[in-house]
């Protein structure tokens, strides 16, 4: 029964929604990891806060751009 339900979801537009949801979760986890690592490095070396913060913002923007592109592709494919 569950297999039939999953098959029905994946064979319709549900696959696009599932893909978009996975992209959102992955992007959230990635941004959380970036923020966590940046805070750790800033706490260890306070003199490098400016460089770490700049790199964190740039990487975060790249992750957001890729995730937005992936969500658009998922929704257009469905």
PDB file of N, CA and C in Angstrom:
ATOM      1  N   UNK A   1       0.828  -1.192   0.000  1.00  0.00           N
ATOM      2  CA  UNK A   1       0.000   0.000   0.000  1.00  0.00           C
ATOM      3  C   UNK A   1       0.873   1.257   0.000  1.00  0.00           C
ATOM      4  N   UNK A   2       1.856   1.279   0.909  1.00  0.00           N
ATOM      5  CA  UNK A   2       2.734   2.438   0.972  1.00  0.00           C
ATOM      6  C   UNK A   2       3.536   2.587  -0.309  1.00  0.00           C
ATOM      7  N   UNK A   3       3.965   1.469  -0.862  1.00  0.00           N
ATOM      8  CA  UNK A   3       4.710   1.507  -2.110  1.00  0.00           C
ATOM      9  C   UNK A   3       3.893   2.077  -3.246  1.00  0.00           C
ATOM     10  N   UNK A   4       2.613   1.726  -3.290  1.00  0.00           N
ATOM     11  CA  UNK A   4       1.747   2.259  -4.335  1.00  0.00           C
ATOM     12  C   UNK A   4       1.545   3.761  -4.171  1.00  0.00           C
ATOM     13  N   UNK A   5       1.427   4.212  -2.929  1.00  0.00           N
ATOM     14  CA  UNK A   5       1.258   5.640  -2.673  1.00  0.00           C
ATOM     15  C   UNK A   5       2.510   6.393  -3.090  1.00  0.00           C
ATOM     16  N   UNK A   6       3.677   5.882  -2.715  1.00  0.00           N
ATOM     17  CA  UNK A   6       4.929   6.534  -3.099  1.00  0.00           C
ATOM     18  C   UNK A   6       5.106   6.548  -4.607  1.00  0.00           C
ATOM     19  N   UNK A   7       4.743   5.477  -5.257  1.00  0.00           N
ATOM     20  CA  UNK A   7       4.846   5.413  -6.709  1.00  0.00           C
ATOM     21  C   UNK A   7       3.936   6.445  -7.362  1.00  0.00           C
ATOM     22  N   UNK A   8       2.739   6.598  -6.824  1.00  0.00           N
ATOM     23  CA  UNK A   8       1.799   7.586  -7.359  1.00  0.00           C
ATOM     24  C   UNK A   8       2.321   9.004  -7.154  1.00  0.00           C
ATOM     25  N   UNK A   9       2.911   9.270  -5.988  1.00  0.00           N
ATOM     26  CA  UNK A   9       3.453  10.601  -5.715  1.00  0.00           C
ATOM     27  C   UNK A   9       4.612  10.904  -6.650  1.00  0.00           C
ATOM     28  N   UNK A  10       5.491   9.938  -6.830  1.00  0.00           N
ATOM     29  CA  UNK A  10       6.676  10.171  -7.640  1.00  0.00           C
ATOM     30  C   UNK A  10       6.380  10.194  -9.135  1.00  0.00           C
ATOM     31  N   UNK A  11       5.263   9.651  -9.537  1.00  0.00           N
ATOM     32  CA  UNK A  11       4.952   9.655 -10.958  1.00  0.00           C
ATOM     33  C   UNK A  11       4.142  10.884 -11.377  1.00  0.00           C
ATOM     34  N   UNK A  12       3.760  11.705 -10.436  1.00  0.00           N
ATOM     35  CA  UNK A  12       2.991  12.918 -10.751  1.00  0.00           C
ATOM     36  C   UNK A  12       3.800  14.149 -10.371  1.00  0.00           C
ATOM     37  N   UNK A  13       3.107  15.242 -10.199  1.00  0.00           N
ATOM     38  CA  UNK A  13       3.781  16.487  -9.839  1.00  0.00           C
ATOM     39  C   UNK A  13       4.317  16.471  -8.418  1.00  0.00           C
ATOM     40  N   UNK A  14       4.003  15.439  -7.686  1.00  0.00           N
ATOM     41  CA  UNK A  14       4.526  15.320  -6.327  1.00  0.00           C
ATOM     42  C   UNK A  14       6.028  15.189  -6.302  1.00  0.00           C
ATOM     43  N   UNK A  15       6.598  14.642  -7.359  1.00  0.00           N
ATOM     44  CA  UNK A  15       8.054  14.504  -7.422  1.00  0.00           C
ATOM     45  C   UNK A  15       8.721  15.875  -7.454  1.00  0.00           C
ATOM     46  N   UNK A  16       8.118  16.811  -8.152  1.00  0.00           N
ATOM     47  CA  UNK A  16       8.673  18.166  -8.200  1.00  0.00           C
ATOM     48  C   UNK A  16       8.611  18.811  -6.818  1.00  0.00           C
ATOM     49  N   UNK A  17       7.501  18.622  -6.131  1.00  0.00           N
ATOM     50  CA  UNK A  17       7.371  19.181  -4.790  1.00  0.00           C
ATOM     51  C   UNK A  17       8.340  18.512  -3.823  1.00  0.00           C
ATOM     52  N   UNK A  18       8.520  17.210  -3.956  1.00  0.00           N
ATOM     53  CA  UNK A  18       9.463  16.488  -3.115  1.00  0.00           C
ATOM     54  C   UNK A  18      10.891  16.977  -3.373  1.00  0.00           C
ATOM     55  N   UNK A  19      11.232  17.165  -4.633  1.00  0.00           N
ATOM     56  CA  UNK A  19      12.556  17.685  -4.980  1.00  0.00           C
ATOM     57  C   UNK A  19      12.778  19.084  -4.431  1.00  0.00           C
ATOM     58  N   UNK A  20      11.778  19.935  -4.546  1.00  0.00           N
ATOM     59  CA  UNK A  20      11.896  21.299  -4.028  1.00  0.00           C
ATOM     60  C   UNK A  20      12.046  21.291  -2.511  1.00  0.00           C
ATOM     61  N   UNK A  21      11.329  20.408  -1.862  1.00  0.00           N
ATOM     62  CA  UNK A  21      11.455  20.289  -0.408  1.00  0.00           C
ATOM     63  C   UNK A  21      12.831  19.806   0.014  1.00  0.00           C
ATOM     64  N   UNK A  22      13.361  18.834  -0.711  1.00  0.00           N
ATOM     65  CA  UNK A  22      14.708  18.342  -0.404  1.00  0.00           C
ATOM     66  C   UNK A  22      15.760  19.420  -0.622  1.00  0.00           C
ATOM     67  N   UNK A  23      15.576  20.223  -1.652  1.00  0.00           N
ATOM     68  CA  UNK A  23      16.508  21.325  -1.909  1.00  0.00           C
ATOM     69  C   UNK A  23      16.459  22.329  -0.759  1.00  0.00           C
ATOM     70  N   UNK A  24      15.267  22.646  -0.293  1.00  0.00           N
ATOM     71  CA  UNK A  24      15.134  23.608   0.800  1.00  0.00           C
ATOM     72  C   UNK A  24      15.780  23.095   2.084  1.00  0.00           C
ATOM     73  N   UNK A  25      15.582  21.817   2.369  1.00  0.00           N
ATOM     74  CA  UNK A  25      16.194  21.234   3.565  1.00  0.00           C
ATOM     75  C   UNK A  25      17.719  21.214   3.438  1.00  0.00           C
ATOM     76  N   UNK A  26      18.209  20.827   2.269  1.00  0.00           N
ATOM     77  CA  UNK A  26      19.649  20.794   2.056  1.00  0.00           C
ATOM     78  C   UNK A  26      20.283  22.169   2.155  1.00  0.00           C
ATOM     79  N   UNK A  27      19.621  23.164   1.596  1.00  0.00           N
ATOM     80  CA  UNK A  27      20.155  24.530   1.661  1.00  0.00           C
ATOM     81  C   UNK A  27      20.154  25.040   3.103  1.00  0.00           C
ATOM     82  N   UNK A  28      19.119  24.728   3.831  1.00  0.00           N
ATOM     83  CA  UNK A  28      19.066  25.134   5.240  1.00  0.00           C
ATOM     84  C   UNK A  28      20.161  24.494   6.070  1.00  0.00           C
ATOM     85  N   UNK A  29      20.395  23.217   5.825  1.00  0.00           N
ATOM     86  CA  UNK A  29      21.465  22.530   6.549  1.00  0.00           C
ATOM     87  C   UNK A  29      22.829  23.089   6.166  1.00  0.00           C
ATOM     88  N   UNK A  30      23.014  23.384   4.882  1.00  0.00           N
ATOM     89  CA  UNK A  30      24.282  23.946   4.431  1.00  0.00           C
ATOM     90  C   UNK A  30      24.549  25.318   5.019  1.00  0.00           C
ATOM     91  N   UNK A  31      23.529  26.163   5.039  1.00  0.00           N
ATOM     92  CA  UNK A  31      23.706  27.496   5.616  1.00  0.00           C
ATOM     93  C   UNK A  31      23.955  27.423   7.113  1.00  0.00           C
ATOM     94  N   UNK A  32      23.315  26.478   7.776  1.00  0.00           N
ATOM     95  CA  UNK A  32      23.570  26.288   9.206  1.00  0.00           C
ATOM     96  C   UNK A  32      24.996  25.853   9.473  1.00  0.00           C
ATOM     97  N   UNK A  33      25.503  24.964   8.638  1.00  0.00           N
ATOM     98  CA  UNK A  33      26.889  24.510   8.786  1.00  0.00           C
ATOM     99  C   UNK A  33      27.873  25.651   8.522  1.00  0.00           C
ATOM    100  N   UNK A  34      27.583  26.470   7.513  1.00  0.00           N
ATOM    101  CA  UNK A  34      28.444  27.619   7.212  1.00  0.00           C
ATOM    102  C   UNK A  34      28.474  28.577   8.409  1.00  0.00           C
ATOM    103  N   UNK A  35      27.303  28.883   8.938  1.00  0.00           N
ATOM    104  CA  UNK A  35      27.236  29.794  10.087  1.00  0.00           C
ATOM    105  C   UNK A  35      27.932  29.239  11.315  1.00  0.00           C
ATOM    106  N   UNK A  36      27.752  27.949  11.553  1.00  0.00           N
ATOM    107  CA  UNK A  36      28.382  27.310  12.708  1.00  0.00           C
ATOM    108  C   UNK A  36      29.905  27.343  12.597  1.00  0.00           C
ATOM    109  N   UNK A  37      30.417  26.982  11.416  1.00  0.00           N
ATOM    110  CA  UNK A  37      31.869  26.975  11.225  1.00  0.00           C
ATOM    111  C   UNK A  37      32.433  28.392  11.310  1.00  0.00           C
ATOM    112  N   UNK A  38      31.699  29.367  10.799  1.00  0.00           N
ATOM    113  CA  UNK A  38      32.173  30.751  10.866  1.00  0.00           C
ATOM    114  C   UNK A  38      32.221  31.241  12.313  1.00  0.00           C
ATOM    115  N   UNK A  39      31.211  30.925  13.094  1.00  0.00           N
ATOM    116  CA  UNK A  39      31.209  31.342  14.499  1.00  0.00           C
ATOM    117  C   UNK A  39      32.344  30.681  15.275  1.00  0.00           C
ATOM    118  N   UNK A  40      32.594  29.410  14.990  1.00  0.00           N
ATOM    119  CA  UNK A  40      33.704  28.718  15.650  1.00  0.00           C
ATOM    120  C   UNK A  40      35.036  29.372  15.315  1.00  0.00           C
ATOM    121  N   UNK A  41      35.253  29.682  14.047  1.00  0.00           N
ATOM    122  CA  UNK A  41      36.533  30.277  13.656  1.00  0.00           C
ATOM    123  C   UNK A  41      36.670  31.693  14.188  1.00  0.00           C
ATOM    124  N   UNK A  42      35.568  32.441  14.265  1.00  0.00           N
ATOM    125  CA  UNK A  42      35.633  33.786  14.835  1.00  0.00           C
ATOM    126  C   UNK A  42      35.934  33.745  16.330  1.00  0.00           C
ATOM    127  N   UNK A  43      35.410  32.735  17.008  1.00  0.00           N
ATOM    128  CA  UNK A  43      35.673  32.610  18.445  1.00  0.00           C
ATOM    129  C   UNK A  43      37.128  32.228  18.701  1.00  0.00           C
ATOM    130  N   UNK A  44      37.708  31.442  17.812  1.00  0.00           N
ATOM    131  CA  UNK A  44      39.098  31.021  17.998  1.00  0.00           C
ATOM    132  C   UNK A  44      40.092  32.126  17.636  1.00  0.00           C
ATOM    133  N   UNK A  45      39.785  32.878  16.591  1.00  0.00           N
ATOM    134  CA  UNK A  45      40.689  33.947  16.137  1.00  0.00           C
ATOM    135  C   UNK A  45      39.894  35.230  15.920  1.00  0.00           C
ATOM    136  N   UNK A  46      39.694  35.998  16.979  1.00  0.00           N
ATOM    137  CA  UNK A  46      38.883  37.218  16.853  1.00  0.00           C
ATOM    138  C   UNK A  46      39.453  38.250  15.881  1.00  0.00           C
ATOM    139  N   UNK A  47      40.746  38.209  15.614  1.00  0.00           N
ATOM    140  CA  UNK A  47      41.338  39.198  14.719  1.00  0.00           C
ATOM    141  C   UNK A  47      40.971  38.966  13.259  1.00  0.00           C
ATOM    142  N   UNK A  48      40.435  37.800  12.936  1.00  0.00           N
ATOM    143  CA  UNK A  48      40.084  37.500  11.540  1.00  0.00           C
ATOM    144  C   UNK A  48      38.580  37.575  11.282  1.00  0.00           C
ATOM    145  N   UNK A  49      37.867  38.290  12.121  1.00  0.00           N
ATOM    146  CA  UNK A  49      36.406  38.349  11.998  1.00  0.00           C
ATOM    147  C   UNK A  49      35.979  38.925  10.650  1.00  0.00           C
ATOM    148  N   UNK A  50      36.627  39.982  10.193  1.00  0.00           N
ATOM    149  CA  UNK A  50      36.235  40.623   8.934  1.00  0.00           C
ATOM    150  C   UNK A  50      36.370  39.698   7.739  1.00  0.00           C
ATOM    151  N   UNK A  51      37.495  38.979   7.664  1.00  0.00           N
ATOM    152  CA  UNK A  51      37.712  38.067   6.545  1.00  0.00           C
ATOM    153  C   UNK A  51      36.733  36.899   6.575  1.00  0.00           C
ATOM    154  N   UNK A  52      36.517  36.346   7.756  1.00  0.00           N
ATOM    155  CA  UNK A  52      35.615  35.194   7.879  1.00  0.00           C
ATOM    156  C   UNK A  52      34.181  35.604   7.559  1.00  0.00           C
ATOM    157  N   UNK A  53      33.784  36.772   8.048  1.00  0.00           N
ATOM    158  CA  UNK A  53      32.421  37.237   7.803  1.00  0.00           C
ATOM    159  C   UNK A  53      32.176  37.490   6.314  1.00  0.00           C
ATOM    160  N   UNK A  54      33.151  38.065   5.641  1.00  0.00           N
ATOM    161  CA  UNK A  54      33.014  38.312   4.204  1.00  0.00           C
ATOM    162  C   UNK A  54      32.895  37.002   3.430  1.00  0.00           C
ATOM    163  N   UNK A  55      33.760  36.053   3.762  1.00  0.00           N
ATOM    164  CA  UNK A  55      33.710  34.752   3.088  1.00  0.00           C
ATOM    165  C   UNK A  55      32.394  34.038   3.376  1.00  0.00           C
ATOM    166  N   UNK A  56      31.900  34.142   4.609  1.00  0.00           N
ATOM    167  CA  UNK A  56      30.641  33.500   4.979  1.00  0.00           C
ATOM    168  C   UNK A  56      29.476  34.079   4.177  1.00  0.00           C
ATOM    169  N   UNK A  57      29.448  35.378   4.007  1.00  0.00           N
ATOM    170  CA  UNK A  57      28.359  36.015   3.262  1.00  0.00           C
ATOM    171  C   UNK A  57      28.404  35.612   1.792  1.00  0.00           C
ATOM    172  N   UNK A  58      29.603  35.567   1.212  1.00  0.00           N
ATOM    173  CA  UNK A  58      29.729  35.191  -0.194  1.00  0.00           C
ATOM    174  C   UNK A  58      29.307  33.742  -0.403  1.00  0.00           C
ATOM    175  N   UNK A  59      29.776  32.844   0.449  1.00  0.00           N
ATOM    176  CA  UNK A  59      29.418  31.427   0.319  1.00  0.00           C
ATOM    177  C   UNK A  59      27.919  31.230   0.551  1.00  0.00           C
ATOM    178  N   UNK A  60      27.366  31.944   1.528  1.00  0.00           N
ATOM    179  CA  UNK A  60      25.930  31.848   1.776  1.00  0.00           C
ATOM    180  C   UNK A  60      25.112  32.307   0.580  1.00  0.00           C
ATOM    181  N   UNK A  61      25.555  33.367  -0.066  1.00  0.00           N
ATOM    182  CA  UNK A  61      24.847  33.846  -1.253  1.00  0.00           C
ATOM    183  C   UNK A  61      24.926  32.840  -2.393  1.00  0.00           C
ATOM    184  N   UNK A  62      26.081  32.198  -2.559  1.00  0.00           N
ATOM    185  CA  UNK A  62      26.209  31.173  -3.598  1.00  0.00           C
ATOM    186  C   UNK A  62      25.309  29.973  -3.323  1.00  0.00           C
ATOM    187  N   UNK A  63      25.232  29.557  -2.067  1.00  0.00           N
ATOM    188  CA  UNK A  63      24.356  28.436  -1.714  1.00  0.00           C
ATOM    189  C   UNK A  63      22.904  28.796  -1.979  1.00  0.00           C
ATOM    190  N   UNK A  64      22.507  30.005  -1.610  1.00  0.00           N
ATOM    191  CA  UNK A  64      21.132  30.447  -1.858  1.00  0.00           C
ATOM    192  C   UNK A  64      20.821  30.493  -3.350  1.00  0.00           C
ATOM    193  N   UNK A  65      21.772  30.958  -4.157  1.00  0.00           N
ATOM    194  CA  UNK A  65      21.559  31.012  -5.606  1.00  0.00           C
ATOM    195  C   UNK A  65      21.388  29.639  -6.215  1.00  0.00           C
ATOM    196  N   UNK A  66      22.223  28.713  -5.807  1.00  0.00           N
ATOM    197  CA  UNK A  66      22.124  27.342  -6.336  1.00  0.00           C
ATOM    198  C   UNK A  66      20.820  26.690  -5.891  1.00  0.00           C
ATOM    199  N   UNK A  67      20.430  26.911  -4.646  1.00  0.00           N
ATOM    200  CA  UNK A  67      19.188  26.297  -4.164  1.00  0.00           C
ATOM    201  C   UNK A  67      17.969  26.903  -4.852  1.00  0.00           C
ATOM    202  N   UNK A  68      17.983  28.198  -5.104  1.00  0.00           N
ATOM    203  CA  UNK A  68      16.871  28.817  -5.824  1.00  0.00           C
ATOM    204  C   UNK A  68      16.775  28.256  -7.241  1.00  0.00           C
ATOM    205  N   UNK A  69      17.920  28.098  -7.906  1.00  0.00           N
ATOM    206  CA  UNK A  69      17.938  27.530  -9.235  1.00  0.00           C
ATOM    207  C   UNK A  69      17.391  26.098  -9.215  1.00  0.00           C
ATOM    208  N   UNK A  70      17.777  25.315  -8.214  1.00  0.00           N
ATOM    209  CA  UNK A  70      17.309  23.929  -8.116  1.00  0.00           C
ATOM    210  C   UNK A  70      15.804  23.856  -7.861  1.00  0.00           C
ATOM    211  N   UNK A  71      15.273  24.758  -7.035  1.00  0.00           N
ATOM    212  CA  UNK A  71      13.830  24.771  -6.782  1.00  0.00           C
ATOM    213  C   UNK A  71      13.080  25.129  -8.062  1.00  0.00           C
ATOM    214  N   UNK A  72      13.578  26.092  -8.811  1.00  0.00           N
ATOM    215  CA  UNK A  72      12.921  26.486 -10.061  1.00  0.00           C
ATOM    216  C   UNK A  72      12.936  25.316 -11.048  1.00  0.00           C
ATOM    217  N   UNK A  73      14.057  24.616 -11.156  1.00  0.00           N
ATOM    218  CA  UNK A  73      14.136  23.466 -12.055  1.00  0.00           C
ATOM    219  C   UNK A  73      13.163  22.391 -11.614  1.00  0.00           C
ATOM    220  N   UNK A  74      13.083  22.129 -10.318  1.00  0.00           N
ATOM    221  CA  UNK A  74      12.140  21.105  -9.825  1.00  0.00           C
ATOM    222  C   UNK A  74      10.704  21.474 -10.151  1.00  0.00           C
ATOM    223  N   UNK A  75      10.351  22.725  -9.938  1.00  0.00           N
ATOM    224  CA  UNK A  75       8.969  23.123 -10.177  1.00  0.00           C
ATOM    225  C   UNK A  75       8.625  23.195 -11.662  1.00  0.00           C
ATOM    226  N   UNK A  76       9.601  23.545 -12.494  1.00  0.00           N
ATOM    227  CA  UNK A  76       9.341  23.554 -13.933  1.00  0.00           C
ATOM    228  C   UNK A  76       9.274  22.134 -14.515  1.00  0.00           C
ATOM    229  N   UNK A  77       9.978  21.210 -13.911  1.00  0.00           N
ATOM    230  CA  UNK A  77       9.977  19.824 -14.392  1.00  0.00           C
ATOM    231  C   UNK A  77       8.656  19.131 -14.063  1.00  0.00           C
ATOM    232  N   UNK A  78       7.979  19.602 -13.027  1.00  0.00           N
ATOM    233  CA  UNK A  78       6.753  18.937 -12.597  1.00  0.00           C
ATOM    234  C   UNK A  78       5.574  19.414 -13.268  1.00  0.00           C
TER     235      UNK A  78
END
